[in-house]
C-alpha atoms as a PDB file:
ATOM      1  CA  MET A   1      38.683 124.721  49.220  1.00  0.00           C
ATOM      2  CA  SER A   2      39.713 125.351  52.842  1.00  0.00           C
ATOM      3  CA  GLU A   3      36.283 126.647  53.868  1.00  0.00           C
ATOM      4  CA  GLY A   4      35.117 125.113  57.142  1.00  0.00           C
ATOM      5  CA  ILE A   5      38.486 123.598  58.099  1.00  0.00           C
ATOM      6  CA  LYS A   6      39.651 124.426  61.625  1.00  0.00           C
ATOM      7  CA  LEU A   7      43.228 124.188  62.839  1.00  0.00           C
ATOM      8  CA  GLN A   8      43.651 124.518  66.610  1.00  0.00           C
ATOM      9  CA  ILE A   9      47.199 124.915  67.935  1.00  0.00           C
ATOM     10  CA  VAL A  10      47.749 123.994  71.589  1.00  0.00           C
ATOM     11  CA  SER A  11      50.855 125.174  73.385  1.00  0.00           C
ATOM     12  CA  GLY A  12      51.859 125.937  76.942  1.00  0.00           C
ATOM     13  CA  MET A  13      54.220 125.355  79.795  1.00  0.00           C
ATOM     14  CA  SER A  14      55.235 121.771  80.561  1.00  0.00           C
ATOM     15  CA  GLY A  15      52.944 120.531  83.307  1.00  0.00           C
ATOM     16  CA  SER A  16      50.181 123.039  82.501  1.00  0.00           C
ATOM     17  CA  GLY A  17      47.763 120.479  81.035  1.00  0.00           C
ATOM     18  CA  LYS A  18      48.498 120.368  77.284  1.00  0.00           C
ATOM     19  CA  THR A  19      47.910 116.614  77.106  1.00  0.00           C
ATOM     20  CA  ILE A  20      44.546 116.964  78.870  1.00  0.00           C
ATOM     21  CA  ALA A  21      43.552 119.769  76.494  1.00  0.00           C
ATOM     22  CA  LEU A  22      44.532 117.704  73.449  1.00  0.00           C
ATOM     23  CA  HIS A  23      42.613 114.651  74.709  1.00  0.00           C
ATOM     24  CA  THR A  24      39.579 116.873  75.316  1.00  0.00           C
ATOM     25  CA  LEU A  25      39.766 118.188  71.752  1.00  0.00           C
ATOM     26  CA  GLU A  26      40.002 114.609  70.506  1.00  0.00           C
ATOM     27  CA  ASP A  27      36.796 113.818  72.401  1.00  0.00           C
ATOM     28  CA  MET A  28      35.246 116.848  70.675  1.00  0.00           C
ATOM     29  CA  GLY A  29      35.941 115.326  67.256  1.00  0.00           C
ATOM     30  CA  TYR A  30      39.321 116.888  66.461  1.00  0.00           C
ATOM     31  CA  TYR A  31      42.005 114.918  64.616  1.00  0.00           C
ATOM     32  CA  CYS A  32      44.914 115.422  67.039  1.00  0.00           C
ATOM     33  CA  ILE A  33      48.683 115.403  66.554  1.00  0.00           C
ATOM     34  CA  ASP A  34      50.949 115.646  69.615  1.00  0.00           C
ATOM     35  CA  ASN A  35      54.278 117.543  69.575  1.00  0.00           C
ATOM     36  CA  LEU A  36      54.294 118.487  65.899  1.00  0.00           C
ATOM     37  CA  PRO A  37      57.672 119.941  64.803  1.00  0.00           C
ATOM     38  CA  ILE A  38      57.117 123.584  63.874  1.00  0.00           C
ATOM     39  CA  SER A  39      58.975 123.062  60.613  1.00  0.00           C
ATOM     40  CA  LEU A  40      56.095 120.814  59.474  1.00  0.00           C
ATOM     41  CA  LEU A  41      53.264 123.205  60.366  1.00  0.00           C
ATOM     42  CA  ILE A  42      52.963 124.951  56.982  1.00  0.00           C
ATOM     43  CA  SER A  43      53.200 121.626  55.135  1.00  0.00           C
ATOM     44  CA  MET A  44      50.462 120.204  57.322  1.00  0.00           C
ATOM     45  CA  ALA A  45      48.245 123.234  56.644  1.00  0.00           C
ATOM     46  CA  ASP A  46      48.746 122.725  52.898  1.00  0.00           C
ATOM     47  CA  HIS A  47      47.810 119.069  53.356  1.00  0.00           C
ATOM     48  CA  LEU A  48      44.580 120.053  55.112  1.00  0.00           C
ATOM     49  CA  ILE A  49      43.708 122.462  52.305  1.00  0.00           C
ATOM     50  CA  GLY A  50      44.440 119.855  49.646  1.00  0.00           C
ATOM     51  CA  ASN A  51      42.588 117.044  51.400  1.00  0.00           C
ATOM     52  CA  PRO A  52      39.207 118.363  52.561  1.00  0.00           C
ATOM     53  CA  GLU A  53      38.041 114.979  53.892  1.00  0.00           C
ATOM     54  CA  ALA A  54      35.721 115.078  56.872  1.00  0.00           C
ATOM     55  CA  ILE A  55      38.357 113.568  59.176  1.00  0.00           C
ATOM     56  CA  PHE A  56      40.542 116.674  58.771  1.00  0.00           C
ATOM     57  CA  ASN A  57      37.761 119.288  59.091  1.00  0.00           C
ATOM     58  CA  LYS A  58      38.823 119.849  62.694  1.00  0.00           C
ATOM     59  CA  THR A  59      42.515 119.304  63.402  1.00  0.00           C
ATOM     60  CA  ALA A  60      44.457 120.099  66.568  1.00  0.00           C
ATOM     61  CA  VAL A  61      48.227 120.033  67.045  1.00  0.00           C
ATOM     62  CA  SER A  62      50.335 120.594  70.143  1.00  0.00           C
ATOM     63  CA  ILE A  63      53.600 122.520  69.955  1.00  0.00           C
ATOM     64  CA  ASP A  64      55.906 122.982  72.930  1.00  0.00           C
ATOM     65  CA  ALA A  65      59.366 124.144  73.959  1.00  0.00           C
ATOM     66  CA  ARG A  66      61.032 120.990  72.697  1.00  0.00           C
ATOM     67  CA  SER A  67      61.029 122.712  69.298  1.00  0.00           C
ATOM     68  CA  GLN A  68      64.103 124.785  68.516  1.00  0.00           C
ATOM     69  CA  SER A  69      63.978 128.338  69.878  1.00  0.00           C
ATOM     70  CA  SER A  70      64.612 129.799  66.415  1.00  0.00           C
ATOM     71  CA  GLN A  71      61.503 127.991  65.150  1.00  0.00           C
ATOM     72  CA  LEU A  72      59.377 129.072  68.110  1.00  0.00           C
ATOM     73  CA  SER A  73      60.110 132.707  67.314  1.00  0.00           C
ATOM     74  CA  THR A  74      58.648 132.226  63.826  1.00  0.00           C
ATOM     75  CA  LEU A  75      55.393 130.613  64.995  1.00  0.00           C
ATOM     76  CA  PRO A  76      53.313 133.843  65.026  1.00  0.00           C
ATOM     77  CA  GLU A  77      54.373 134.554  61.434  1.00  0.00           C
ATOM     78  CA  MET A  78      53.505 130.978  60.433  1.00  0.00           C
ATOM     79  CA  VAL A  79      50.053 131.254  61.993  1.00  0.00           C
ATOM     80  CA  GLU A  80      49.370 134.456  60.052  1.00  0.00           C
ATOM     81  CA  ASN A  81      50.574 132.738  56.874  1.00  0.00           C
ATOM     82  CA  ILE A  82      48.165 129.849  57.491  1.00  0.00           C
ATOM     83  CA  ARG A  83      45.271 132.245  58.067  1.00  0.00           C
ATOM     84  CA  GLN A  84      46.035 133.996  54.800  1.00  0.00           C
ATOM     85  CA  ARG A  85      45.697 130.620  53.084  1.00  0.00           C
ATOM     86  CA  GLY A  86      42.080 130.512  54.261  1.00  0.00           C
ATOM     87  CA  LEU A  87      42.274 128.219  57.271  1.00  0.00           C
ATOM     88  CA  ASP A  88      40.475 129.045  60.510  1.00  0.00           C
ATOM     89  CA  CYS A  89      43.601 128.822  62.690  1.00  0.00           C
ATOM     90  CA  LYS A  90      43.589 129.652  66.403  1.00  0.00           C
ATOM     91  CA  MET A  91      46.140 129.201  69.147  1.00  0.00           C
ATOM     92  CA  LEU A  92      45.544 128.223  72.781  1.00  0.00           C
ATOM     93  CA  PHE A  93      48.263 128.738  75.404  1.00  0.00           C
ATOM     94  CA  LEU A  94      48.075 127.072  78.813  1.00  0.00           C
ATOM     95  CA  ASP A  95      49.959 128.868  81.565  1.00  0.00           C
ATOM     96  CA  THR A  96      50.669 128.023  85.211  1.00  0.00           C
ATOM     97  CA  LYS A  97      52.583 129.765  87.984  1.00  0.00           C
ATOM     98  CA  ALA A  98      56.115 128.511  88.539  1.00  0.00           C
ATOM     99  CA  ASP A  99      55.615 127.346  92.129  1.00  0.00           C
ATOM    100  CA  THR A 100      52.606 125.263  91.066  1.00  0.00           C
ATOM    101  CA  LEU A 101      54.599 123.686  88.219  1.00  0.00           C
ATOM    102  CA  ILE A 102      57.397 122.806  90.634  1.00  0.00           C
ATOM    103  CA  LYS A 103      54.877 121.165  92.952  1.00  0.00           C
ATOM    104  CA  ARG A 104      53.268 119.210  90.099  1.00  0.00           C
ATOM    105  CA  PHE A 105      56.590 117.850  88.840  1.00  0.00           C
ATOM    106  CA  SER A 106      57.658 116.969  92.380  1.00  0.00           C
ATOM    107  CA  GLU A 107      54.417 115.134  93.143  1.00  0.00           C
ATOM    108  CA  THR A 108      54.316 113.162  89.889  1.00  0.00           C
ATOM    109  CA  ARG A 109      58.104 112.597  89.793  1.00  0.00           C
ATOM    110  CA  ARG A 110      58.053 113.463  86.109  1.00  0.00           C
ATOM    111  CA  LYS A 111      61.134 115.005  84.559  1.00  0.00           C
ATOM    112  CA  HIS A 112      60.807 118.432  82.982  1.00  0.00           C
ATOM    113  CA  PRO A 113      61.891 118.136  79.313  1.00  0.00           C
ATOM    114  CA  LEU A 114      64.373 121.013  79.650  1.00  0.00           C
ATOM    115  CA  THR A 115      66.135 119.928  82.836  1.00  0.00           C
ATOM    116  CA  ASN A 116      69.636 118.481  82.648  1.00  0.00           C
ATOM    117  CA  GLU A 117      72.772 118.170  84.793  1.00  0.00           C
ATOM    118  CA  GLN A 118      73.388 121.907  84.506  1.00  0.00           C
ATOM    119  CA  ARG A 119      69.781 123.165  84.662  1.00  0.00           C
ATOM    120  CA  SER A 120      67.586 122.724  87.754  1.00  0.00           C
ATOM    121  CA  LEU A 121      63.780 122.489  87.633  1.00  0.00           C
ATOM    122  CA  PRO A 122      63.171 126.176  88.565  1.00  0.00           C
ATOM    123  CA  GLU A 123      65.788 127.224  85.971  1.00  0.00           C
ATOM    124  CA  ALA A 124      64.183 124.976  83.331  1.00  0.00           C
ATOM    125  CA  ILE A 125      60.763 126.562  83.968  1.00  0.00           C
ATOM    126  CA  ARG A 126      62.202 130.072  83.609  1.00  0.00           C
ATOM    127  CA  TYR A 127      64.058 129.046  80.441  1.00  0.00           C
ATOM    128  CA  GLU A 128      60.928 127.454  78.974  1.00  0.00           C
ATOM    129  CA  ARG A 129      58.892 130.621  79.576  1.00  0.00           C
ATOM    130  CA  GLU A 130      61.598 132.627  77.818  1.00  0.00           C
ATOM    131  CA  LEU A 131      61.532 130.259  74.825  1.00  0.00           C
ATOM    132  CA  LEU A 132      57.746 130.368  74.613  1.00  0.00           C
ATOM    133  CA  SER A 133      57.397 134.146  74.953  1.00  0.00           C
ATOM    134  CA  PRO A 134      56.634 134.641  71.204  1.00  0.00           C
ATOM    135  CA  VAL A 135      53.935 131.964  71.454  1.00  0.00           C
ATOM    136  CA  ILE A 136      52.401 133.535  74.571  1.00  0.00           C
ATOM    137  CA  GLU A 137      52.116 136.916  72.862  1.00  0.00           C
ATOM    138  CA  ALA A 138      50.534 135.453  69.729  1.00  0.00           C
ATOM    139  CA  ALA A 139      47.960 133.212  71.459  1.00  0.00           C
ATOM    140  CA  ASP A 140      44.280 133.936  70.780  1.00  0.00           C
ATOM    141  CA  LEU A 141      43.298 132.386  74.101  1.00  0.00           C
ATOM    142  CA  ARG A 142      45.365 131.992  77.252  1.00  0.00           C
ATOM    143  CA  LEU A 143      44.121 129.871  80.142  1.00  0.00           C
ATOM    144  CA  ASP A 144      45.706 129.991  83.583  1.00  0.00           C
ATOM    145  CA  THR A 145      45.588 126.426  84.941  1.00  0.00           C
ATOM    146  CA  THR A 146      47.238 127.241  88.289  1.00  0.00           C
ATOM    147  CA  TYR A 147      43.990 126.675  90.180  1.00  0.00           C
ATOM    148  CA  THR A 148      42.233 124.211  87.865  1.00  0.00           C
ATOM    149  CA  ASN A 149      41.932 120.475  88.322  1.00  0.00           C
ATOM    150  CA  LEU A 150      41.621 117.960  85.487  1.00  0.00           C
ATOM    151  CA  HIS A 151      37.836 118.145  85.246  1.00  0.00           C
ATOM    152  CA  GLU A 152      37.740 121.958  85.353  1.00  0.00           C
ATOM    153  CA  LEU A 153      40.333 122.185  82.584  1.00  0.00           C
ATOM    154  CA  ARG A 154      38.309 119.844  80.409  1.00  0.00           C
ATOM    155  CA  ASP A 155      35.209 121.972  80.960  1.00  0.00           C
ATOM    156  CA  LEU A 156      37.121 125.160  80.135  1.00  0.00           C
ATOM    157  CA  VAL A 157      38.488 123.715  76.886  1.00  0.00           C
ATOM    158  CA  ARG A 158      35.093 122.362  75.839  1.00  0.00           C
ATOM    159  CA  HIS A 159      33.386 125.670  76.475  1.00  0.00           C
ATOM    160  CA  ARG A 160      36.038 128.080  75.218  1.00  0.00           C
ATOM    161  CA  ILE A 161      36.878 126.199  72.023  1.00  0.00           C
ATOM    162  CA  GLY A 162      33.633 124.360  71.408  1.00  0.00           C
ATOM    163  CA  GLY A 163      31.284 127.310  71.918  1.00  0.00           C
ATOM    164  CA  ASP A 164      28.774 128.641  69.439  1.00  0.00           C
ATOM    165  CA  GLU A 165      30.337 129.412  66.079  1.00  0.00           C
ATOM    166  CA  GLY A 166      30.699 133.118  65.457  1.00  0.00           C
ATOM    167  CA  ARG A 167      29.730 134.094  69.012  1.00  0.00           C
ATOM    168  CA  VAL A 168      32.099 135.493  71.599  1.00  0.00           C
ATOM    169  CA  SER A 169      32.692 133.032  74.443  1.00  0.00           C
ATOM    170  CA  ILE A 170      32.445 134.821  77.801  1.00  0.00           C
ATOM    171  CA  LEU A 171      34.007 133.559  81.016  1.00  0.00           C
ATOM    172  CA  PHE A 172      32.935 135.219  84.263  1.00  0.00           C
ATOM    173  CA  GLU A 173      35.464 134.479  87.011  1.00  0.00           C
ATOM    174  CA  SER A 174      35.439 135.319  90.722  1.00  0.00           C
ATOM    175  CA  PHE A 175      38.661 135.656  92.709  1.00  0.00           C
ATOM    176  CA  GLY A 176      40.130 136.988  95.939  1.00  0.00           C
ATOM    177  CA  PHE A 177      42.484 139.951  95.794  1.00  0.00           C
ATOM    178  CA  LYS A 178      44.469 138.581  98.736  1.00  0.00           C
ATOM    179  CA  HIS A 179      45.411 135.598  96.556  1.00  0.00           C
ATOM    180  CA  GLY A 180      46.545 137.762  93.634  1.00  0.00           C
ATOM    181  CA  LEU A 181      44.995 139.085  90.444  1.00  0.00           C
ATOM    182  CA  PRO A 182      43.985 136.552  87.787  1.00  0.00           C
ATOM    183  CA  ARG A 183      46.029 136.609  84.607  1.00  0.00           C
ATOM    184  CA  ASP A 184      44.842 137.138  81.046  1.00  0.00           C
ATOM    185  CA  VAL A 185      41.528 138.819  81.794  1.00  0.00           C
ATOM    186  CA  ASP A 186      39.893 141.603  79.789  1.00  0.00           C
ATOM    187  CA  PHE A 187      37.991 143.386  82.573  1.00  0.00           C
ATOM    188  CA  VAL A 188      38.420 143.368  86.363  1.00  0.00           C
ATOM    189  CA  PHE A 189      35.708 144.658  88.697  1.00  0.00           C
ATOM    190  CA  ASP A 190      36.492 145.343  92.360  1.00  0.00           C
ATOM    191  CA  ALA A 191      33.706 144.475  94.829  1.00  0.00           C
ATOM    192  CA  ARG A 192      35.678 145.102  98.037  1.00  0.00           C
ATOM    193  CA  CYS A 193      33.697 148.288  98.749  1.00  0.00           C
ATOM    194  CA  LEU A 194      30.473 146.311  99.199  1.00  0.00           C
ATOM    195  CA  PRO A 195      29.113 144.992 102.522  1.00  0.00           C
ATOM    196  CA  ASN A 196      31.102 141.912 103.488  1.00  0.00           C
ATOM    197  CA  PRO A 197      29.184 138.808 104.669  1.00  0.00           C
ATOM    198  CA  TYR A 198      32.405 137.576 106.285  1.00  0.00           C
ATOM    199  CA  TRP A 199      31.805 139.930 109.186  1.00  0.00           C
ATOM    200  CA  GLN A 200      28.448 138.272 109.847  1.00  0.00           C
ATOM    201  CA  GLU A 201      29.608 135.279 111.865  1.00  0.00           C
ATOM    202  CA  GLU A 202      26.636 133.123 110.914  1.00  0.00           C
ATOM    203  CA  LEU A 203      27.415 133.655 107.179  1.00  0.00           C
ATOM    204  CA  ARG A 204      31.122 132.801 107.163  1.00  0.00           C
ATOM    205  CA  VAL A 205      30.540 129.114 106.497  1.00  0.00           C
ATOM    206  CA  TYR A 206      28.548 129.858 103.330  1.00  0.00           C
ATOM    207  CA  ASN A 207      29.703 131.123  99.934  1.00  0.00           C
ATOM    208  CA  GLY A 208      28.146 133.499  97.429  1.00  0.00           C
ATOM    209  CA  MET A 209      26.252 130.724  95.628  1.00  0.00           C
ATOM    210  CA  GLU A 210      24.324 129.752  98.746  1.00  0.00           C
ATOM    211  CA  ALA A 211      21.013 131.306  99.789  1.00  0.00           C
ATOM    212  CA  PRO A 212      22.015 132.886 103.139  1.00  0.00           C
ATOM    213  CA  VAL A 213      24.794 134.937 101.562  1.00  0.00           C
ATOM    214  CA  ALA A 214      22.805 135.666  98.388  1.00  0.00           C
ATOM    215  CA  ASP A 215      19.849 136.907 100.444  1.00  0.00           C
ATOM    216  CA  TYR A 216      22.103 139.082 102.600  1.00  0.00           C
ATOM    217  CA  LEU A 217      23.788 140.712  99.604  1.00  0.00           C
ATOM    218  CA  SER A 218      20.553 141.127  97.625  1.00  0.00           C
ATOM    219  CA  ALA A 219      19.129 143.153 100.501  1.00  0.00           C
ATOM    220  CA  HIS A 220      21.817 145.847 100.146  1.00  0.00           C
ATOM    221  CA  GLN A 221      21.241 148.647  97.655  1.00  0.00           C
ATOM    222  CA  GLU A 222      24.975 149.094  97.112  1.00  0.00           C
ATOM    223  CA  VAL A 223      25.228 145.504  95.862  1.00  0.00           C
ATOM    224  CA  THR A 224      22.239 145.647  93.535  1.00  0.00           C
ATOM    225  CA  GLY A 225      23.396 149.056  92.303  1.00  0.00           C
ATOM    226  CA  MET A 226      26.877 147.788  91.416  1.00  0.00           C
ATOM    227  CA  LEU A 227      25.404 144.720  89.730  1.00  0.00           C
ATOM    228  CA  SER A 228      23.091 146.912  87.645  1.00  0.00           C
ATOM    229  CA  ASP A 229      25.969 149.178  86.624  1.00  0.00           C
ATOM    230  CA  MET A 230      28.121 146.197  85.629  1.00  0.00           C
ATOM    231  CA  ILE A 231      25.311 144.738  83.531  1.00  0.00           C
ATOM    232  CA  ASP A 232      24.744 148.070  81.772  1.00  0.00           C
ATOM    233  CA  PHE A 233      28.465 148.469  81.055  1.00  0.00           C
ATOM    234  CA  LEU A 234      28.923 144.948  79.708  1.00  0.00           C
ATOM    235  CA  ALA A 235      25.684 145.007  77.723  1.00  0.00           C
ATOM    236  CA  ARG A 236      27.003 148.066  75.943  1.00  0.00           C
ATOM    237  CA  TRP A 237      30.513 146.827  75.198  1.00  0.00           C
ATOM    238  CA  ILE A 238      30.242 143.045  74.686  1.00  0.00           C
ATOM    239  CA  PRO A 239      28.567 143.553  71.270  1.00  0.00           C
ATOM    240  CA  ALA A 240      31.448 145.822  70.265  1.00  0.00           C
ATOM    241  CA  PHE A 241      33.989 143.106  71.047  1.00  0.00           C
ATOM    242  CA  GLU A 242      31.862 140.575  69.185  1.00  0.00           C
ATOM    243  CA  ALA A 243      31.590 142.868  66.151  1.00  0.00           C
ATOM    244  CA  ASP A 244      35.379 143.266  66.230  1.00  0.00           C
ATOM    245  CA  GLY A 245      35.739 139.513  65.754  1.00  0.00           C
ATOM    246  CA  ARG A 246      36.788 138.625  69.297  1.00  0.00           C
ATOM    247  CA  SER A 247      36.294 134.942  70.078  1.00  0.00           C
ATOM    248  CA  TYR A 248      36.955 135.076  73.830  1.00  0.00           C
ATOM    249  CA  LEU A 249      36.244 137.529  76.616  1.00  0.00           C
ATOM    250  CA  THR A 250      37.163 137.005  80.282  1.00  0.00           C
ATOM    251  CA  ILE A 251      35.555 139.180  82.946  1.00  0.00           C
ATOM    252  CA  ALA A 252      36.810 138.888  86.531  1.00  0.00           C
ATOM    253  CA  VAL A 253      35.134 140.107  89.721  1.00  0.00           C
ATOM    254  CA  GLY A 254      37.189 140.241  92.889  1.00  0.00           C
ATOM    255  CA  CYS A 255      36.557 140.698  96.589  1.00  0.00           C
ATOM    256  CA  THR A 256      38.922 140.204  99.506  1.00  0.00           C
ATOM    257  CA  GLY A 257      38.839 136.414  99.839  1.00  0.00           C
ATOM    258  CA  GLY A 258      36.901 135.364  96.742  1.00  0.00           C
ATOM    259  CA  GLN A 259      34.245 133.521  98.741  1.00  0.00           C
ATOM    260  CA  HIS A 260      31.183 135.767  99.022  1.00  0.00           C
ATOM    261  CA  ARG A 261      30.702 139.064  97.156  1.00  0.00           C
ATOM    262  CA  SER A 262      32.601 138.229  93.979  1.00  0.00           C
ATOM    263  CA  VAL A 263      31.006 134.766  93.767  1.00  0.00           C
ATOM    264  CA  PHE A 264      27.516 136.232  94.154  1.00  0.00           C
ATOM    265  CA  LEU A 265      28.112 138.881  91.474  1.00  0.00           C
ATOM    266  CA  VAL A 266      29.628 136.416  89.004  1.00  0.00           C
ATOM    267  CA  GLU A 267      26.667 134.064  89.404  1.00  0.00           C
ATOM    268  CA  ARG A 268      24.215 136.913  88.797  1.00  0.00           C
ATOM    269  CA  LEU A 269      26.163 138.207  85.787  1.00  0.00           C
ATOM    270  CA  ALA A 270      26.435 134.734  84.248  1.00  0.00           C
ATOM    271  CA  LYS A 271      22.704 134.136  84.757  1.00  0.00           C
ATOM    272  CA  HIS A 272      21.745 137.488  83.229  1.00  0.00           C
ATOM    273  CA  PHE A 273      23.881 137.188  80.091  1.00  0.00           C
ATOM    274  CA  SER A 274      23.095 133.493  79.631  1.00  0.00           C
ATOM    275  CA  GLU A 275      19.392 134.324  79.655  1.00  0.00           C
ATOM    276  CA  ALA A 276      20.179 137.076  77.131  1.00  0.00           C
ATOM    277  CA  GLY A 277      21.400 134.370  74.738  1.00  0.00           C
ATOM    278  CA  LEU A 278      25.156 134.755  75.082  1.00  0.00           C
ATOM    279  CA  ASP A 279      27.670 131.893  75.289  1.00  0.00           C
ATOM    280  CA  VAL A 280      28.551 132.106  78.984  1.00  0.00           C
ATOM    281  CA  MET A 281      30.535 130.141  81.568  1.00  0.00           C
ATOM    282  CA  SER A 282      31.207 130.965  85.233  1.00  0.00           C
ATOM    283  CA  ARG A 283      34.204 129.922  87.329  1.00  0.00           C
ATOM    284  CA  HIS A 284      35.114 130.560  90.967  1.00  0.00           C
ATOM    285  CA  ARG A 285      38.863 130.459  91.405  1.00  0.00           C
ATOM    286  CA  GLU A 286      39.072 130.348  95.183  1.00  0.00           C
ATOM    287  CA  LEU A 287      36.190 127.885  95.581  1.00  0.00           C
ATOM    288  CA  SER A 288      38.084 125.474  93.321  1.00  0.00           C
END
């Protein structure tokens, strides 16, 4: 009876983009419910099973820290219960670094839902993360929105949740080590040992997607050798993750600043595996 019904749970830190994600899912044909009390989640799942109308085939609900902490701790168990009832239930968690959240709330002059006369904004953010820790651990997909704008987040949600059914969705992401490691990635490759276009003064103004840098890197055997090794490694192990039922895979490539080498390699990897028929998306954190 519940065959084909999808239930997508959206959670995350306040200010991380939950509303944008929910609106994007609505545009993708999901029936969306904002801030559903956790105590109603099982009842809603039973309603979906008992009412297999087309409007409910794809349903998305958002759940946040305004729910009681005792209920949040039971969410992973509830999700497993729903899956055992035959629903395709997945959970997305949107995360953002604390300093970025503080900046967003300050710029928009919005009030954090957990602030009060005794709890400052930084304290509220720490408290919220503590409350949501069971949700973070249980999420099928975690997206770091620290460096994403509105349009990039929409694209990420569309691709990661709306990808080909039954295929693993792969995100190739470039980054700069000097800006910190990306969070929630499955593999990290380090390209800092490769020739650096930054030291060629005429190349500094370009990035790894542009022809001058791409030509420079393609001419070095070390670069093409690393790219070939990465392709061989991923070609061997991506099918294993797919066979294990994984829906999402994030592969990050880093160089010093995230402008040249890592961008070039991510573009080449994305092109190769896209042409091989995989569901692929590329993202360049520092270029954003």
